């Protein structure tokens, strides 16, 4: 009897162990990434292509593209973490402004680099091609507040000896009014996104695309809330892997016509506009968050008087999601030379 009981107990314990060993933890529920875009814009071309080409689905992440009126609305929604929006990828100054004012946002990926222009009346272009204190000290310029082209150019001018504090800055409320101010002689130079410089070519000519002076300067970045970064980290890595694949597609000249056709249809812009925006301007699509570049840019804004500099910006920029996604993509596609260049 005792032997039988011992056998039954042993069998019960073995069965319990087998069931315990085979018990699976509930699978982590996949979370949706909600990405914000401004209607009719194509600055976030890589994300739009990743969605269009089905790369998000292939990487196992659900992404919703949601239209948002402007950066303020998008960043407010992300900061409040109500679940309406996770990522904003257009601009950098609004991101830094929210961070400087206490929002716990984190820049984790790039969207684009460069993309700004210095403009003048046609008869003044040759003069301002020669960047010297004699030509630049004391001039009057027009810009939208904290425009990236101006902030980066200001830092460059200071480096080459121009007294940037002597430059009179006329802040206007729109890009068209920058062009108008230059055209009417209210300012001798204007600072604009390159696409607007081309759009208003009947009023102004390009002196420099700012990337000629400061190659690969940071422009649009992708930003999210710190809580989202922590809660959706796996999804963000998959999101970035899909974006890297879309960047490869975008960068292949053989796909250029297809890229232009899709983005023209998406944005309701002409194919000429889309082609010039993407491939004629110095607008470089890049996913690298360029942490040091963001830090340098932030302190350029501090030096220009836009922020107090009280925030430790280093704590609001991270590159590990991009690094991990790139490492996985390189392992997944070991023979793809494109990824080796990133």
C-alpha atoms as a PDB file:
ATOM      1  CA  UNK A   1       0.000   0.000   0.000  1.00  0.00           C
ATOM      2  CA  UNK A   2       2.811   2.345   0.972  1.00  0.00           C
ATOM      3  CA  UNK A   3       4.594   1.479  -2.277  1.00  0.00           C
ATOM      4  CA  UNK A   4       1.453   2.214  -4.281  1.00  0.00           C
ATOM      5  CA  UNK A   5       0.959   5.510  -2.497  1.00  0.00           C
ATOM      6  CA  UNK A   6       4.562   6.507  -3.147  1.00  0.00           C
ATOM      7  CA  UNK A   7       4.145   5.719  -6.837  1.00  0.00           C
ATOM      8  CA  UNK A   8       0.960   7.794  -7.027  1.00  0.00           C
ATOM      9  CA  UNK A   9       2.591  10.735  -5.256  1.00  0.00           C
ATOM     10  CA  UNK A  10       5.591  10.538  -7.563  1.00  0.00           C
ATOM     11  CA  UNK A  11       3.360  10.429 -10.613  1.00  0.00           C
ATOM     12  CA  UNK A  12       1.370  13.407  -9.347  1.00  0.00           C
ATOM     13  CA  UNK A  13       4.523  15.418  -8.728  1.00  0.00           C
ATOM     14  CA  UNK A  14       5.942  14.512 -12.134  1.00  0.00           C
ATOM     15  CA  UNK A  15       2.712  15.482 -13.850  1.00  0.00           C
ATOM     16  CA  UNK A  16       2.637  18.784 -11.955  1.00  0.00           C
ATOM     17  CA  UNK A  17       6.190  19.527 -12.962  1.00  0.00           C
ATOM     18  CA  UNK A  18       5.488  18.684 -16.579  1.00  0.00           C
ATOM     19  CA  UNK A  19       2.480  20.992 -16.662  1.00  0.00           C
ATOM     20  CA  UNK A  20       4.350  23.693 -14.819  1.00  0.00           C
ATOM     21  CA  UNK A  21       7.285  23.408 -17.185  1.00  0.00           C
ATOM     22  CA  UNK A  22       5.013  23.562 -20.184  1.00  0.00           C
ATOM     23  CA  UNK A  23       2.965  26.485 -18.920  1.00  0.00           C
ATOM     24  CA  UNK A  24       3.466  29.520 -21.131  1.00  0.00           C
ATOM     25  CA  UNK A  25       3.374  33.114 -20.033  1.00  0.00           C
ATOM     26  CA  UNK A  26       0.631  35.072 -21.770  1.00  0.00           C
ATOM     27  CA  UNK A  27       2.006  36.542 -24.992  1.00  0.00           C
ATOM     28  CA  UNK A  28       2.707  40.246 -24.811  1.00  0.00           C
ATOM     29  CA  UNK A  29      -0.039  41.992 -26.729  1.00  0.00           C
ATOM     30  CA  UNK A  30       1.325  43.862 -29.724  1.00  0.00           C
ATOM     31  CA  UNK A  31       0.795  47.588 -29.459  1.00  0.00           C
ATOM     32  CA  UNK A  32      -0.033  49.963 -32.279  1.00  0.00           C
ATOM     33  CA  UNK A  33       2.307  52.825 -33.218  1.00  0.00           C
ATOM     34  CA  UNK A  34       0.403  55.995 -34.055  1.00  0.00           C
ATOM     35  CA  UNK A  35       2.470  58.287 -36.271  1.00  0.00           C
ATOM     36  CA  UNK A  36       1.459  61.892 -36.949  1.00  0.00           C
ATOM     37  CA  UNK A  37       1.791  63.737 -40.250  1.00  0.00           C
ATOM     38  CA  UNK A  38       0.644  67.130 -41.487  1.00  0.00           C
ATOM     39  CA  UNK A  39      -1.867  66.815 -44.351  1.00  0.00           C
ATOM     40  CA  UNK A  40      -0.343  67.029 -47.809  1.00  0.00           C
ATOM     41  CA  UNK A  41       3.294  67.016 -46.655  1.00  0.00           C
ATOM     42  CA  UNK A  42       5.985  64.524 -47.646  1.00  0.00           C
ATOM     43  CA  UNK A  43       8.798  65.363 -45.235  1.00  0.00           C
ATOM     44  CA  UNK A  44       8.250  61.971 -43.607  1.00  0.00           C
ATOM     45  CA  UNK A  45       8.623  60.222 -46.966  1.00  0.00           C
ATOM     46  CA  UNK A  46      10.424  57.187 -45.539  1.00  0.00           C
ATOM     47  CA  UNK A  47       7.632  56.422 -43.070  1.00  0.00           C
ATOM     48  CA  UNK A  48       4.978  56.888 -45.756  1.00  0.00           C
ATOM     49  CA  UNK A  49       6.862  54.515 -48.045  1.00  0.00           C
ATOM     50  CA  UNK A  50       7.361  51.908 -45.320  1.00  0.00           C
ATOM     51  CA  UNK A  51       3.599  51.880 -44.804  1.00  0.00           C
ATOM     52  CA  UNK A  52       2.818  51.843 -48.537  1.00  0.00           C
ATOM     53  CA  UNK A  53       5.269  49.011 -49.279  1.00  0.00           C
ATOM     54  CA  UNK A  54       3.923  46.805 -46.482  1.00  0.00           C
ATOM     55  CA  UNK A  55       7.173  46.747 -44.534  1.00  0.00           C
ATOM     56  CA  UNK A  56       5.511  47.405 -41.174  1.00  0.00           C
ATOM     57  CA  UNK A  57       3.286  44.382 -41.611  1.00  0.00           C
ATOM     58  CA  UNK A  58       6.277  42.273 -42.648  1.00  0.00           C
ATOM     59  CA  UNK A  59       8.209  43.360 -39.562  1.00  0.00           C
ATOM     60  CA  UNK A  60       5.252  42.527 -37.318  1.00  0.00           C
ATOM     61  CA  UNK A  61       4.220  45.981 -36.152  1.00  0.00           C
ATOM     62  CA  UNK A  62       0.947  47.801 -36.690  1.00  0.00           C
ATOM     63  CA  UNK A  63       1.383  51.469 -37.618  1.00  0.00           C
ATOM     64  CA  UNK A  64      -1.411  53.991 -38.083  1.00  0.00           C
ATOM     65  CA  UNK A  65      -0.692  57.189 -40.014  1.00  0.00           C
ATOM     66  CA  UNK A  66      -2.769  59.979 -38.456  1.00  0.00           C
ATOM     67  CA  UNK A  67      -3.137  63.501 -39.814  1.00  0.00           C
ATOM     68  CA  UNK A  68      -2.485  66.315 -37.334  1.00  0.00           C
ATOM     69  CA  UNK A  69      -2.909  70.031 -38.000  1.00  0.00           C
ATOM     70  CA  UNK A  70       0.489  71.173 -36.745  1.00  0.00           C
ATOM     71  CA  UNK A  71       3.464  70.434 -34.491  1.00  0.00           C
ATOM     72  CA  UNK A  72       1.938  72.080 -31.422  1.00  0.00           C
ATOM     73  CA  UNK A  73      -1.160  69.891 -31.584  1.00  0.00           C
ATOM     74  CA  UNK A  74       0.934  66.773 -32.184  1.00  0.00           C
ATOM     75  CA  UNK A  75       3.451  67.385 -29.398  1.00  0.00           C
ATOM     76  CA  UNK A  76       0.735  68.345 -26.946  1.00  0.00           C
ATOM     77  CA  UNK A  77      -1.057  65.067 -27.664  1.00  0.00           C
ATOM     78  CA  UNK A  78       2.153  63.046 -27.288  1.00  0.00           C
ATOM     79  CA  UNK A  79       3.094  64.837 -24.059  1.00  0.00           C
ATOM     80  CA  UNK A  80      -0.317  64.175 -22.504  1.00  0.00           C
ATOM     81  CA  UNK A  81       0.052  60.469 -23.382  1.00  0.00           C
ATOM     82  CA  UNK A  82      -3.657  59.939 -23.960  1.00  0.00           C
ATOM     83  CA  UNK A  83      -2.997  57.285 -26.589  1.00  0.00           C
ATOM     84  CA  UNK A  84      -4.025  59.466 -29.522  1.00  0.00           C
ATOM     85  CA  UNK A  85      -0.516  59.853 -30.962  1.00  0.00           C
ATOM     86  CA  UNK A  86       2.888  58.281 -30.336  1.00  0.00           C
ATOM     87  CA  UNK A  87       5.376  59.843 -32.744  1.00  0.00           C
ATOM     88  CA  UNK A  88       5.884  63.165 -34.502  1.00  0.00           C
ATOM     89  CA  UNK A  89       8.544  63.344 -37.206  1.00  0.00           C
ATOM     90  CA  UNK A  90       8.359  66.856 -38.667  1.00  0.00           C
ATOM     91  CA  UNK A  91      10.618  69.650 -37.435  1.00  0.00           C
ATOM     92  CA  UNK A  92      13.061  69.895 -34.547  1.00  0.00           C
ATOM     93  CA  UNK A  93      12.627  73.349 -33.003  1.00  0.00           C
ATOM     94  CA  UNK A  94       9.100  72.558 -31.707  1.00  0.00           C
ATOM     95  CA  UNK A  95      10.433  69.316 -30.170  1.00  0.00           C
ATOM     96  CA  UNK A  96      13.218  71.172 -28.384  1.00  0.00           C
ATOM     97  CA  UNK A  97      10.841  73.938 -27.336  1.00  0.00           C
ATOM     98  CA  UNK A  98       8.515  71.443 -25.649  1.00  0.00           C
ATOM     99  CA  UNK A  99      11.475  69.724 -23.977  1.00  0.00           C
ATOM    100  CA  UNK A 100      12.900  73.062 -22.823  1.00  0.00           C
ATOM    101  CA  UNK A 101       9.530  73.845 -21.252  1.00  0.00           C
ATOM    102  CA  UNK A 102       9.397  70.627 -19.261  1.00  0.00           C
ATOM    103  CA  UNK A 103       7.803  67.980 -21.506  1.00  0.00           C
ATOM    104  CA  UNK A 104       9.413  64.575 -21.003  1.00  0.00           C
ATOM    105  CA  UNK A 105       9.906  63.846 -24.696  1.00  0.00           C
ATOM    106  CA  UNK A 106      12.719  61.825 -26.259  1.00  0.00           C
ATOM    107  CA  UNK A 107      14.172  62.160 -29.758  1.00  0.00           C
ATOM    108  CA  UNK A 108      14.968  58.613 -30.877  1.00  0.00           C
ATOM    109  CA  UNK A 109      15.233  58.648 -34.683  1.00  0.00           C
ATOM    110  CA  UNK A 110      15.884  60.940 -37.606  1.00  0.00           C
ATOM    111  CA  UNK A 111      13.626  61.983 -40.457  1.00  0.00           C
ATOM    112  CA  UNK A 112      15.772  64.277 -42.613  1.00  0.00           C
ATOM    113  CA  UNK A 113      18.914  66.404 -42.568  1.00  0.00           C
ATOM    114  CA  UNK A 114      19.625  69.739 -44.223  1.00  0.00           C
ATOM    115  CA  UNK A 115      16.878  71.349 -46.318  1.00  0.00           C
ATOM    116  CA  UNK A 116      17.310  75.088 -45.659  1.00  0.00           C
ATOM    117  CA  UNK A 117      18.354  77.995 -47.900  1.00  0.00           C
ATOM    118  CA  UNK A 118      19.652  81.547 -47.709  1.00  0.00           C
ATOM    119  CA  UNK A 119      17.928  83.831 -50.219  1.00  0.00           C
ATOM    120  CA  UNK A 120      18.484  87.349 -51.552  1.00  0.00           C
ATOM    121  CA  UNK A 121      17.459  89.578 -54.418  1.00  0.00           C
ATOM    122  CA  UNK A 122      19.133  88.386 -57.626  1.00  0.00           C
ATOM    123  CA  UNK A 123      21.419  91.437 -57.739  1.00  0.00           C
ATOM    124  CA  UNK A 124      22.718  90.689 -54.217  1.00  0.00           C
ATOM    125  CA  UNK A 125      23.491  86.987 -54.595  1.00  0.00           C
ATOM    126  CA  UNK A 126      27.119  87.404 -55.693  1.00  0.00           C
ATOM    127  CA  UNK A 127      27.913  89.739 -52.797  1.00  0.00           C
ATOM    128  CA  UNK A 128      26.530  87.419 -50.135  1.00  0.00           C
ATOM    129  CA  UNK A 129      28.244  84.397 -51.652  1.00  0.00           C
ATOM    130  CA  UNK A 130      31.343  85.962 -50.103  1.00  0.00           C
ATOM    131  CA  UNK A 131      30.831  85.332 -46.397  1.00  0.00           C
ATOM    132  CA  UNK A 132      32.968  87.933 -44.652  1.00  0.00           C
ATOM    133  CA  UNK A 133      32.422  90.280 -41.715  1.00  0.00           C
ATOM    134  CA  UNK A 134      32.473  93.189 -44.181  1.00  0.00           C
ATOM    135  CA  UNK A 135      29.490  91.751 -46.070  1.00  0.00           C
ATOM    136  CA  UNK A 136      27.518  90.378 -43.132  1.00  0.00           C
ATOM    137  CA  UNK A 137      28.105  92.551 -40.074  1.00  0.00           C
ATOM    138  CA  UNK A 138      25.121  94.788 -39.334  1.00  0.00           C
ATOM    139  CA  UNK A 139      22.854  93.456 -42.082  1.00  0.00           C
ATOM    140  CA  UNK A 140      19.110  92.924 -41.672  1.00  0.00           C
ATOM    141  CA  UNK A 141      17.687  89.431 -42.225  1.00  0.00           C
ATOM    142  CA  UNK A 142      14.158  87.979 -42.302  1.00  0.00           C
ATOM    143  CA  UNK A 143      13.140  84.637 -40.847  1.00  0.00           C
ATOM    144  CA  UNK A 144      10.311  82.782 -39.185  1.00  0.00           C
ATOM    145  CA  UNK A 145      11.094  82.471 -35.481  1.00  0.00           C
ATOM    146  CA  UNK A 146      13.752  79.821 -34.743  1.00  0.00           C
ATOM    147  CA  UNK A 147      13.881  78.695 -38.377  1.00  0.00           C
ATOM    148  CA  UNK A 148      16.468  75.929 -38.696  1.00  0.00           C
ATOM    149  CA  UNK A 149      18.188  77.552 -41.694  1.00  0.00           C
ATOM    150  CA  UNK A 150      18.794  80.730 -39.680  1.00  0.00           C
ATOM    151  CA  UNK A 151      19.891  78.996 -36.464  1.00  0.00           C
ATOM    152  CA  UNK A 152      22.435  76.833 -38.301  1.00  0.00           C
ATOM    153  CA  UNK A 153      23.631  79.720 -40.489  1.00  0.00           C
ATOM    154  CA  UNK A 154      23.999  81.977 -37.434  1.00  0.00           C
ATOM    155  CA  UNK A 155      26.327  79.430 -35.802  1.00  0.00           C
ATOM    156  CA  UNK A 156      28.306  79.135 -39.047  1.00  0.00           C
ATOM    157  CA  UNK A 157      28.644  82.900 -39.440  1.00  0.00           C
ATOM    158  CA  UNK A 158      29.893  83.182 -35.874  1.00  0.00           C
ATOM    159  CA  UNK A 159      32.516  80.506 -36.558  1.00  0.00           C
ATOM    160  CA  UNK A 160      33.928  82.435 -39.538  1.00  0.00           C
ATOM    161  CA  UNK A 161      34.185  85.713 -37.644  1.00  0.00           C
ATOM    162  CA  UNK A 162      30.930  87.528 -38.351  1.00  0.00           C
ATOM    163  CA  UNK A 163      29.566  89.574 -35.438  1.00  0.00           C
ATOM    164  CA  UNK A 164      26.208  87.808 -35.317  1.00  0.00           C
ATOM    165  CA  UNK A 165      24.965  90.069 -32.533  1.00  0.00           C
ATOM    166  CA  UNK A 166      25.172  93.001 -34.957  1.00  0.00           C
ATOM    167  CA  UNK A 167      22.755  91.339 -37.380  1.00  0.00           C
ATOM    168  CA  UNK A 168      19.225  92.716 -37.173  1.00  0.00           C
ATOM    169  CA  UNK A 169      16.664  89.909 -37.182  1.00  0.00           C
ATOM    170  CA  UNK A 170      13.174  90.618 -38.536  1.00  0.00           C
ATOM    171  CA  UNK A 171      10.859  87.807 -37.432  1.00  0.00           C
ATOM    172  CA  UNK A 172       7.795  87.306 -39.625  1.00  0.00           C
ATOM    173  CA  UNK A 173       4.869  84.919 -39.370  1.00  0.00           C
ATOM    174  CA  UNK A 174       5.235  82.873 -42.557  1.00  0.00           C
ATOM    175  CA  UNK A 175       7.668  81.760 -45.245  1.00  0.00           C
ATOM    176  CA  UNK A 176       5.952  83.856 -47.895  1.00  0.00           C
ATOM    177  CA  UNK A 177       6.526  86.934 -45.758  1.00  0.00           C
ATOM    178  CA  UNK A 178      10.220  86.093 -45.522  1.00  0.00           C
ATOM    179  CA  UNK A 179      10.381  86.167 -49.324  1.00  0.00           C
ATOM    180  CA  UNK A 180       8.305  89.348 -49.431  1.00  0.00           C
ATOM    181  CA  UNK A 181      10.545  91.120 -46.929  1.00  0.00           C
ATOM    182  CA  UNK A 182      13.613  90.363 -49.044  1.00  0.00           C
ATOM    183  CA  UNK A 183      11.852  91.231 -52.293  1.00  0.00           C
ATOM    184  CA  UNK A 184      10.712  94.601 -50.904  1.00  0.00           C
ATOM    185  CA  UNK A 185      14.130  95.442 -49.460  1.00  0.00           C
ATOM    186  CA  UNK A 186      12.978  95.229 -45.841  1.00  0.00           C
ATOM    187  CA  UNK A 187      15.759  92.675 -45.330  1.00  0.00           C
ATOM    188  CA  UNK A 188      18.783  91.842 -47.485  1.00  0.00           C
ATOM    189  CA  UNK A 189      18.733  88.120 -46.724  1.00  0.00           C
ATOM    190  CA  UNK A 190      16.029  85.613 -45.896  1.00  0.00           C
ATOM    191  CA  UNK A 191      16.213  82.130 -44.409  1.00  0.00           C
ATOM    192  CA  UNK A 192      13.761  79.544 -45.715  1.00  0.00           C
ATOM    193  CA  UNK A 193      13.198  75.825 -46.152  1.00  0.00           C
ATOM    194  CA  UNK A 194      14.627  75.045 -49.612  1.00  0.00           C
ATOM    195  CA  UNK A 195      11.262  74.087 -51.063  1.00  0.00           C
ATOM    196  CA  UNK A 196       9.918  77.560 -50.236  1.00  0.00           C
ATOM    197  CA  UNK A 197      12.999  79.193 -51.721  1.00  0.00           C
ATOM    198  CA  UNK A 198      12.155  77.445 -54.974  1.00  0.00           C
ATOM    199  CA  UNK A 199       8.455  78.157 -54.643  1.00  0.00           C
ATOM    200  CA  UNK A 200       9.105  81.902 -54.402  1.00  0.00           C
ATOM    201  CA  UNK A 201      11.801  81.959 -57.091  1.00  0.00           C
ATOM    202  CA  UNK A 202      10.090  84.892 -58.807  1.00  0.00           C
ATOM    203  CA  UNK A 203      10.798  86.990 -55.698  1.00  0.00           C
ATOM    204  CA  UNK A 204      14.210  85.762 -54.503  1.00  0.00           C
ATOM    205  CA  UNK A 205      17.247  83.743 -55.577  1.00  0.00           C
ATOM    206  CA  UNK A 206      19.214  81.203 -53.542  1.00  0.00           C
ATOM    207  CA  UNK A 207      22.569  82.379 -52.195  1.00  0.00           C
ATOM    208  CA  UNK A 208      23.406  79.089 -50.492  1.00  0.00           C
ATOM    209  CA  UNK A 209      21.634  75.940 -49.527  1.00  0.00           C
ATOM    210  CA  UNK A 210      22.654  75.816 -45.879  1.00  0.00           C
ATOM    211  CA  UNK A 211      23.929  72.253 -46.225  1.00  0.00           C
ATOM    212  CA  UNK A 212      26.694  73.639 -48.437  1.00  0.00           C
ATOM    213  CA  UNK A 213      27.970  75.482 -45.365  1.00  0.00           C
ATOM    214  CA  UNK A 214      27.145  72.896 -42.699  1.00  0.00           C
ATOM    215  CA  UNK A 215      26.762  69.433 -44.278  1.00  0.00           C
ATOM    216  CA  UNK A 216      24.277  67.044 -42.668  1.00  0.00           C
ATOM    217  CA  UNK A 217      23.061  69.506 -40.060  1.00  0.00           C
ATOM    218  CA  UNK A 218      20.103  68.161 -38.139  1.00  0.00           C
ATOM    219  CA  UNK A 219      16.624  68.998 -39.248  1.00  0.00           C
ATOM    220  CA  UNK A 220      13.475  66.955 -38.700  1.00  0.00           C
ATOM    221  CA  UNK A 221      13.707  64.307 -35.965  1.00  0.00           C
ATOM    222  CA  UNK A 222      11.282  61.690 -34.664  1.00  0.00           C
ATOM    223  CA  UNK A 223      10.144  62.239 -31.102  1.00  0.00           C
ATOM    224  CA  UNK A 224       7.978  60.371 -28.616  1.00  0.00           C
ATOM    225  CA  UNK A 225       7.093  60.449 -24.920  1.00  0.00           C
ATOM    226  CA  UNK A 226       9.492  58.707 -22.549  1.00  0.00           C
ATOM    227  CA  UNK A 227       6.663  56.498 -21.292  1.00  0.00           C
ATOM    228  CA  UNK A 228       5.907  55.401 -24.867  1.00  0.00           C
ATOM    229  CA  UNK A 229       9.594  54.702 -25.455  1.00  0.00           C
ATOM    230  CA  UNK A 230       9.601  52.374 -22.470  1.00  0.00           C
ATOM    231  CA  UNK A 231       6.227  50.712 -23.049  1.00  0.00           C
ATOM    232  CA  UNK A 232       6.527  50.227 -26.828  1.00  0.00           C
ATOM    233  CA  UNK A 233      10.241  49.641 -27.188  1.00  0.00           C
ATOM    234  CA  UNK A 234       9.883  46.349 -29.094  1.00  0.00           C
ATOM    235  CA  UNK A 235       7.381  47.917 -31.477  1.00  0.00           C
ATOM    236  CA  UNK A 236       9.640  50.935 -32.022  1.00  0.00           C
ATOM    237  CA  UNK A 237      12.540  48.678 -32.975  1.00  0.00           C
ATOM    238  CA  UNK A 238      10.344  46.898 -35.528  1.00  0.00           C
ATOM    239  CA  UNK A 239       9.066  50.280 -36.747  1.00  0.00           C
ATOM    240  CA  UNK A 240      12.656  51.435 -37.271  1.00  0.00           C
ATOM    241  CA  UNK A 241      13.642  48.219 -39.051  1.00  0.00           C
ATOM    242  CA  UNK A 242      10.817  48.764 -41.539  1.00  0.00           C
ATOM    243  CA  UNK A 243      11.919  52.385 -41.978  1.00  0.00           C
ATOM    244  CA  UNK A 244      15.475  51.264 -42.724  1.00  0.00           C
ATOM    245  CA  UNK A 245      14.145  48.978 -45.449  1.00  0.00           C
ATOM    246  CA  UNK A 246      12.072  51.859 -46.859  1.00  0.00           C
ATOM    247  CA  UNK A 247      15.139  54.117 -46.792  1.00  0.00           C
ATOM    248  CA  UNK A 248      17.008  51.551 -48.880  1.00  0.00           C
ATOM    249  CA  UNK A 249      14.129  51.465 -51.364  1.00  0.00           C
ATOM    250  CA  UNK A 250      13.990  55.272 -51.461  1.00  0.00           C
ATOM    251  CA  UNK A 251      17.744  55.544 -52.027  1.00  0.00           C
ATOM    252  CA  UNK A 252      17.796  53.252 -55.074  1.00  0.00           C
ATOM    253  CA  UNK A 253      17.655  55.419 -58.240  1.00  0.00           C
ATOM    254  CA  UNK A 254      15.772  52.606 -59.981  1.00  0.00           C
ATOM    255  CA  UNK A 255      12.809  53.265 -57.658  1.00  0.00           C
ATOM    256  CA  UNK A 256      12.771  57.046 -58.044  1.00  0.00           C
ATOM    257  CA  UNK A 257       9.836  57.214 -60.470  1.00  0.00           C
ATOM    258  CA  UNK A 258       7.752  54.937 -58.258  1.00  0.00           C
ATOM    259  CA  UNK A 259       8.624  56.981 -55.154  1.00  0.00           C
ATOM    260  CA  UNK A 260       7.639  60.236 -56.857  1.00  0.00           C
ATOM    261  CA  UNK A 261       4.425  58.808 -58.282  1.00  0.00           C
ATOM    262  CA  UNK A 262       3.237  57.432 -54.936  1.00  0.00           C
ATOM    263  CA  UNK A 263       4.104  60.514 -52.898  1.00  0.00           C
ATOM    264  CA  UNK A 264       2.542  62.823 -55.494  1.00  0.00           C
ATOM    265  CA  UNK A 265      -0.668  60.794 -55.277  1.00  0.00           C
ATOM    266  CA  UNK A 266      -0.517  60.722 -51.469  1.00  0.00           C
ATOM    267  CA  UNK A 267       0.069  64.466 -51.083  1.00  0.00           C
ATOM    268  CA  UNK A 268      -1.974  65.720 -54.054  1.00  0.00           C
ATOM    269  CA  UNK A 269       1.135  67.616 -55.177  1.00  0.00           C
ATOM    270  CA  UNK A 270       2.506  67.614 -58.723  1.00  0.00           C
ATOM    271  CA  UNK A 271       5.196  65.105 -59.634  1.00  0.00           C
ATOM    272  CA  UNK A 272       7.514  68.032 -60.432  1.00  0.00           C
ATOM    273  CA  UNK A 273       7.050  69.430 -56.944  1.00  0.00           C
ATOM    274  CA  UNK A 274       7.702  66.059 -55.300  1.00  0.00           C
ATOM    275  CA  UNK A 275      10.757  65.353 -57.445  1.00  0.00           C
ATOM    276  CA  UNK A 276      12.290  68.759 -56.721  1.00  0.00           C
ATOM    277  CA  UNK A 277      11.487  68.524 -53.035  1.00  0.00           C
ATOM    278  CA  UNK A 278      13.074  65.120 -52.615  1.00  0.00           C
ATOM    279  CA  UNK A 279      15.836  64.961 -55.187  1.00  0.00           C
ATOM    280  CA  UNK A 280      16.797  68.490 -56.280  1.00  0.00           C
ATOM    281  CA  UNK A 281      16.921  70.264 -52.910  1.00  0.00           C
ATOM    282  CA  UNK A 282      19.620  69.381 -50.410  1.00  0.00           C
ATOM    283  CA  UNK A 283      17.156  67.383 -48.343  1.00  0.00           C
ATOM    284  CA  UNK A 284      18.734  64.160 -47.117  1.00  0.00           C
ATOM    285  CA  UNK A 285      16.559  61.418 -45.698  1.00  0.00           C
ATOM    286  CA  UNK A 286      18.251  59.887 -42.665  1.00  0.00           C
ATOM    287  CA  UNK A 287      17.052  57.775 -39.756  1.00  0.00           C
ATOM    288  CA  UNK A 288      20.142  58.186 -37.600  1.00  0.00           C
ATOM    289  CA  UNK A 289      19.059  60.325 -34.619  1.00  0.00           C
ATOM    290  CA  UNK A 290      22.511  62.024 -34.634  1.00  0.00           C
ATOM    291  CA  UNK A 291      22.538  62.605 -30.887  1.00  0.00           C
ATOM    292  CA  UNK A 292      25.553  64.920 -30.910  1.00  0.00           C
ATOM    293  CA  UNK A 293      24.064  66.939 -33.757  1.00  0.00           C
ATOM    294  CA  UNK A 294      20.844  67.465 -31.779  1.00  0.00           C
ATOM    295  CA  UNK A 295      22.808  68.492 -28.691  1.00  0.00           C
ATOM    296  CA  UNK A 296      24.880  70.971 -30.713  1.00  0.00           C
ATOM    297  CA  UNK A 297      21.758  72.370 -32.334  1.00  0.00           C
ATOM    298  CA  UNK A 298      20.052  72.819 -28.975  1.00  0.00           C
ATOM    299  CA  UNK A 299      22.974  74.837 -27.655  1.00  0.00           C
ATOM    300  CA  UNK A 300      22.983  76.910 -30.844  1.00  0.00           C
ATOM    301  CA  UNK A 301      19.416  77.865 -29.943  1.00  0.00           C
ATOM    302  CA  UNK A 302      20.492  78.610 -26.382  1.00  0.00           C
ATOM    303  CA  UNK A 303      23.317  80.840 -27.655  1.00  0.00           C
ATOM    304  CA  UNK A 304      20.852  82.617 -29.946  1.00  0.00           C
ATOM    305  CA  UNK A 305      18.625  83.396 -26.947  1.00  0.00           C
ATOM    306  CA  UNK A 306      15.711  81.090 -27.732  1.00  0.00           C
ATOM    307  CA  UNK A 307      16.096  78.869 -24.642  1.00  0.00           C
ATOM    308  CA  UNK A 308      17.602  79.326 -21.199  1.00  0.00           C
ATOM    309  CA  UNK A 309      19.614  76.109 -21.389  1.00  0.00           C
ATOM    310  CA  UNK A 310      18.363  74.811 -18.018  1.00  0.00           C
ATOM    311  CA  UNK A 311      17.357  71.418 -19.433  1.00  0.00           C
ATOM    312  CA  UNK A 312      19.990  68.692 -19.800  1.00  0.00           C
ATOM    313  CA  UNK A 313      19.203  67.913 -23.428  1.00  0.00           C
ATOM    314  CA  UNK A 314      21.443  64.830 -23.411  1.00  0.00           C
ATOM    315  CA  UNK A 315      18.763  63.055 -21.367  1.00  0.00           C
ATOM    316  CA  UNK A 316      16.195  63.663 -24.109  1.00  0.00           C
ATOM    317  CA  UNK A 317      18.040  62.131 -27.072  1.00  0.00           C
ATOM    318  CA  UNK A 318      18.735  58.428 -27.397  1.00  0.00           C
ATOM    319  CA  UNK A 319      20.099  56.205 -30.136  1.00  0.00           C
ATOM    320  CA  UNK A 320      19.727  52.657 -28.810  1.00  0.00           C
ATOM    321  CA  UNK A 321      16.504  51.904 -30.684  1.00  0.00           C
ATOM    322  CA  UNK A 322      18.083  52.941 -33.977  1.00  0.00           C
ATOM    323  CA  UNK A 323      21.299  51.059 -33.143  1.00  0.00           C
ATOM    324  CA  UNK A 324      19.432  47.865 -32.245  1.00  0.00           C
ATOM    325  CA  UNK A 325      17.210  48.042 -35.345  1.00  0.00           C
ATOM    326  CA  UNK A 326      20.208  48.607 -37.602  1.00  0.00           C
ATOM    327  CA  UNK A 327      22.103  45.697 -36.007  1.00  0.00           C
ATOM    328  CA  UNK A 328      19.112  43.398 -36.588  1.00  0.00           C
ATOM    329  CA  UNK A 329      18.726  44.534 -40.198  1.00  0.00           C
ATOM    330  CA  UNK A 330      22.425  43.966 -40.903  1.00  0.00           C
ATOM    331  CA  UNK A 331      22.144  40.449 -39.459  1.00  0.00           C
ATOM    332  CA  UNK A 332      18.959  39.806 -41.444  1.00  0.00           C
ATOM    333  CA  UNK A 333      20.459  41.083 -44.728  1.00  0.00           C
ATOM    334  CA  UNK A 334      24.205  40.403 -44.405  1.00  0.00           C
ATOM    335  CA  UNK A 335      24.884  40.837 -48.113  1.00  0.00           C
ATOM    336  CA  UNK A 336      23.126  44.192 -48.527  1.00  0.00           C
ATOM    337  CA  UNK A 337      25.843  46.803 -48.977  1.00  0.00           C
ATOM    338  CA  UNK A 338      23.432  49.686 -48.387  1.00  0.00           C
ATOM    339  CA  UNK A 339      23.032  48.911 -44.688  1.00  0.00           C
ATOM    340  CA  UNK A 340      26.806  48.752 -44.251  1.00  0.00           C
ATOM    341  CA  UNK A 341      27.004  52.437 -45.193  1.00  0.00           C
ATOM    342  CA  UNK A 342      24.720  53.547 -42.349  1.00  0.00           C
END
